[in-house]
Protein backbone atom coordinates (compact mmCIF):
# COMPACT_ATOMS: atom_id res chain seq x y z
CA MET A 1 0.00 0.00 0.00
CA PRO A 2 1.35 3.45 -0.86
CA HIS A 3 2.31 5.94 1.82
CA HIS A 4 -0.02 8.94 1.93
CA SER A 5 0.89 12.43 3.07
CA MET A 6 -1.45 14.56 5.13
CA SER A 7 -3.73 16.99 3.35
CA LEU A 8 -6.41 19.48 4.31
CA GLY A 9 -9.68 18.29 2.89
CA PHE A 10 -13.44 18.71 3.02
CA SER A 11 -16.11 16.03 3.03
CA LEU A 12 -18.96 16.44 0.58
CA TYR A 13 -21.17 15.01 3.33
CA GLY A 14 -21.60 18.68 4.17
CA MET A 15 -22.71 19.60 0.64
CA LYS A 16 -25.66 17.27 0.13
CA GLU A 17 -27.64 19.66 -2.09
CA PHE A 18 -24.78 20.14 -4.57
CA LYS A 19 -24.03 18.12 -7.67
CA THR A 20 -20.67 16.41 -7.18
CA GLU A 21 -18.96 18.39 -9.93
CA LYS A 22 -20.10 21.74 -8.49
CA ALA A 23 -19.08 20.70 -4.99
CA ILE A 24 -15.60 19.70 -6.18
CA ARG A 25 -15.15 23.07 -7.90
CA GLU A 26 -16.25 24.91 -4.74
CA VAL A 27 -13.89 22.90 -2.51
CA ALA A 28 -10.97 23.58 -4.85
CA GLU A 29 -11.81 27.29 -5.07
CA ILE A 30 -11.90 27.60 -1.27
CA GLY A 31 -8.36 26.24 -1.20
CA TYR A 32 -8.62 22.71 0.13
CA ASP A 33 -6.24 20.17 -1.37
CA SER A 34 -8.32 17.03 -0.90
CA VAL A 35 -11.94 15.96 -0.91
CA GLU A 36 -14.07 13.09 0.34
CA LEU A 37 -17.09 12.05 -1.73
CA CYS A 38 -20.23 10.96 0.09
CA LEU A 39 -21.65 7.79 -1.46
CA MET A 40 -24.67 7.43 0.78
CA SER A 41 -28.00 6.87 -0.98
CA ASP A 42 -29.37 10.42 -0.74
CA TRP A 43 -26.18 12.09 -2.04
CA ASP A 44 -25.32 12.73 -5.68
CA ALA A 45 -22.13 10.62 -5.72
CA THR A 46 -23.75 7.30 -4.83
CA PRO A 47 -22.22 4.81 -7.35
CA LYS A 48 -25.59 4.02 -8.93
CA ARG A 49 -25.93 7.66 -10.01
CA LEU A 50 -22.47 7.90 -11.51
CA GLY A 51 -22.32 6.23 -14.88
CA LYS A 52 -19.11 5.91 -16.86
CA LYS A 53 -19.45 9.35 -18.50
CA ARG A 54 -19.86 11.18 -15.18
CA ARG A 55 -17.12 9.13 -13.55
CA ASN A 56 -14.77 10.22 -16.31
CA GLU A 57 -15.88 13.85 -15.95
CA ILE A 58 -15.31 13.76 -12.19
CA ARG A 59 -11.92 12.09 -12.64
CA ASN A 60 -10.91 14.80 -15.12
CA LEU A 61 -12.20 17.51 -12.78
CA LEU A 62 -10.17 16.11 -9.88
CA ASP A 63 -7.08 16.14 -12.12
CA LYS A 64 -7.82 19.68 -13.35
CA THR A 65 -8.36 21.10 -9.85
CA GLY A 66 -5.47 19.16 -8.34
CA LEU A 67 -7.70 17.83 -5.57
CA LYS A 68 -6.71 14.51 -4.08
CA LEU A 69 -9.63 12.14 -3.55
CA SER A 70 -8.75 11.12 0.01
CA GLY A 71 -11.87 9.20 0.97
CA LEU A 72 -15.29 7.84 0.14
CA MET A 73 -17.93 8.04 2.87
CA GLU A 74 -20.28 5.06 2.83
CA HIS A 75 -22.45 4.21 5.82
CA VAL A 76 -23.07 0.49 5.94
CA GLY A 77 -23.69 -1.68 8.98
CA LEU A 78 -21.31 -4.15 10.52
CA THR A 79 -24.18 -5.86 12.33
CA GLY A 80 -26.41 -8.61 11.02
CA ARG A 81 -26.21 -12.21 9.92
CA PRO A 82 -23.83 -13.26 7.14
CA LYS A 83 -26.74 -13.33 4.66
CA GLU A 84 -27.51 -9.69 5.50
CA GLN A 85 -23.86 -8.77 5.01
CA LYS A 86 -23.94 -9.78 1.32
CA SER A 87 -25.56 -6.48 0.31
CA VAL A 88 -23.05 -4.62 2.50
CA HIS A 89 -20.16 -6.38 0.74
CA GLU A 90 -21.66 -5.39 -2.61
CA ARG A 91 -21.88 -1.72 -1.59
CA LEU A 92 -18.27 -1.80 -0.38
CA LYS A 93 -17.20 -3.36 -3.69
CA GLN A 94 -19.08 -0.69 -5.66
CA ALA A 95 -17.42 2.03 -3.57
CA ALA A 96 -13.98 0.51 -4.14
CA GLU A 97 -14.61 0.25 -7.88
CA LEU A 98 -15.64 3.92 -8.01
CA GLY A 99 -12.56 4.98 -6.05
CA GLN A 100 -10.25 3.02 -8.35
CA HIS A 101 -11.87 4.56 -11.41
CA LEU A 102 -11.61 8.10 -10.08
CA GLN A 103 -8.06 7.81 -8.71
CA PRO A 104 -6.40 4.63 -10.01
CA ASN A 105 -2.84 5.38 -8.85
CA SER A 106 -3.84 5.95 -5.23
CA PRO A 107 -7.39 4.71 -4.54
CA PRO A 108 -9.13 6.50 -1.68
CA LEU A 109 -10.09 4.70 1.49
CA ILE A 110 -13.70 3.93 2.30
CA GLU A 111 -14.89 5.45 5.55
CA THR A 112 -17.89 3.95 7.32
CA VAL A 113 -19.47 3.39 10.71
CA ALA A 114 -20.46 0.12 12.33
CA GLY A 115 -24.20 0.63 12.77
CA LYS A 116 -26.50 0.51 15.77
CA GLY A 117 -26.88 -1.82 18.71
CA LYS A 118 -25.29 -2.69 22.04
CA TRP A 119 -21.58 -3.38 22.01
CA ILE A 120 -21.68 -6.03 24.73
CA ASP A 121 -24.32 -8.02 22.82
CA LEU A 122 -22.84 -7.68 19.33
CA ARG A 123 -19.06 -7.44 19.59
CA ASN A 124 -18.41 -11.03 18.47
CA GLN A 125 -20.78 -10.58 15.53
CA LEU A 126 -18.97 -7.35 14.66
CA ARG A 127 -15.62 -9.15 14.78
CA ASP A 128 -16.86 -11.94 12.53
CA ASN A 129 -18.45 -9.57 10.04
CA LEU A 130 -15.36 -7.35 9.99
CA GLY A 131 -13.41 -10.42 8.89
CA GLY A 132 -15.67 -10.49 5.81
CA TRP A 133 -15.03 -6.80 5.22
CA ALA A 134 -11.28 -7.47 5.40
CA LYS A 135 -11.65 -10.02 2.58
CA VAL A 136 -13.54 -7.49 0.45
CA ALA A 137 -10.93 -4.82 1.20
CA GLU A 138 -8.04 -7.10 0.30
CA ALA A 139 -9.71 -8.34 -2.88
CA THR A 140 -10.39 -4.77 -4.04
CA LYS A 141 -7.06 -3.41 -2.72
CA THR A 142 -8.96 -0.69 -0.87
CA VAL A 143 -8.58 0.28 2.78
CA ILE A 144 -11.81 0.36 4.80
CA ALA A 145 -11.73 2.64 7.85
CA VAL A 146 -14.34 2.12 10.58
CA LYS A 147 -15.27 5.20 12.59
CA PRO A 148 -16.36 4.86 16.22
CA HIS A 149 -19.55 6.93 16.21
CA ARG A 150 -21.45 8.46 19.12
CA GLY A 151 -24.61 6.46 19.69
CA GLY A 152 -23.43 3.60 17.49
CA VAL A 153 -22.56 0.02 18.37
CA VAL A 154 -18.87 1.03 18.30
CA ASP A 155 -18.75 4.37 20.07
CA ARG A 156 -15.61 4.29 22.23
CA PRO A 157 -11.93 4.25 21.21
CA GLU A 158 -11.18 0.99 23.02
CA GLN A 159 -14.01 -0.80 21.19
CA GLY A 160 -12.59 0.17 17.82
CA VAL A 161 -9.11 -0.88 18.91
CA TRP A 162 -10.44 -4.25 20.13
CA LEU A 163 -11.94 -4.92 16.70
CA MET A 164 -8.69 -4.01 14.94
CA GLU A 165 -6.74 -6.34 17.23
CA GLN A 166 -9.11 -9.21 16.43
CA ILE A 167 -8.81 -8.80 12.65
CA LYS A 168 -5.18 -7.69 12.24
CA SER A 169 -5.63 -6.79 8.58
CA PRO A 170 -3.61 -4.05 6.85
CA TRP A 171 -6.78 -3.33 4.86
CA ILE A 172 -8.94 -2.47 7.90
CA LYS A 173 -8.21 0.72 9.84
CA LEU A 174 -9.88 3.05 12.32
CA ASN A 175 -11.08 6.52 11.41
CA TYR A 176 -10.50 8.99 14.25
CA ASP A 177 -13.13 11.73 14.73
CA TYR A 178 -12.87 13.41 18.12
CA SER A 179 -16.31 15.00 17.82
CA HIS A 180 -17.81 11.61 18.63
CA PHE A 181 -15.79 11.35 21.85
CA ALA A 182 -16.06 14.94 23.05
CA HIS A 183 -19.74 14.49 23.92
CA ARG A 184 -18.90 11.33 25.84
CA ASP A 185 -16.52 13.24 28.15
CA ILE A 186 -13.57 11.26 26.81
CA PRO A 187 -10.53 13.55 27.00
CA LEU A 188 -8.80 14.35 23.71
CA ALA A 189 -5.38 13.12 24.87
CA GLU A 190 -6.86 9.87 26.18
CA SER A 191 -8.74 9.16 22.95
CA ILE A 192 -5.58 9.76 20.91
CA ARG A 193 -3.51 7.55 23.21
CA VAL A 194 -5.98 4.66 22.95
CA MET A 195 -6.48 4.87 19.21
């Protein structure tokens, strides 16, 4: 996997009403050097809405603006039986395919959350399902980063770390977002130390 340098980017999660192309132009004009596309169903960049022509236009626009495509936000659940995970695996594959089309030399990671539920009841199911995600990630050569999310089944730093230790895959990472710990009264330094 290639080494990535740090950039200052903006997630199009915050620009839901914009067409992807317009949002990319705005982000570049503001002065950011990277962008994350939001692939969730109600956003413009969901893979089903981006046919080959638009994918090529977006790829060319990213090249023209110099923006690095640093991530793809896709919210799928890590909970559920293996049969229910099949559709999740398909969405992850579609996201990876889109990322590789838009930035083939350095495909963006896929950022997602783990879903809802109680950690104590579901942690073994999460571990098992994350093993399936690791296989998808390796097969598509795309890193999947799970974000501990306030109110989600994985909502504390140590829970995310536990999952990573169970899987031990270079293709599965954690996404750190302090805003989800601040409201839990988890000190910044402590959350960084744990994660």
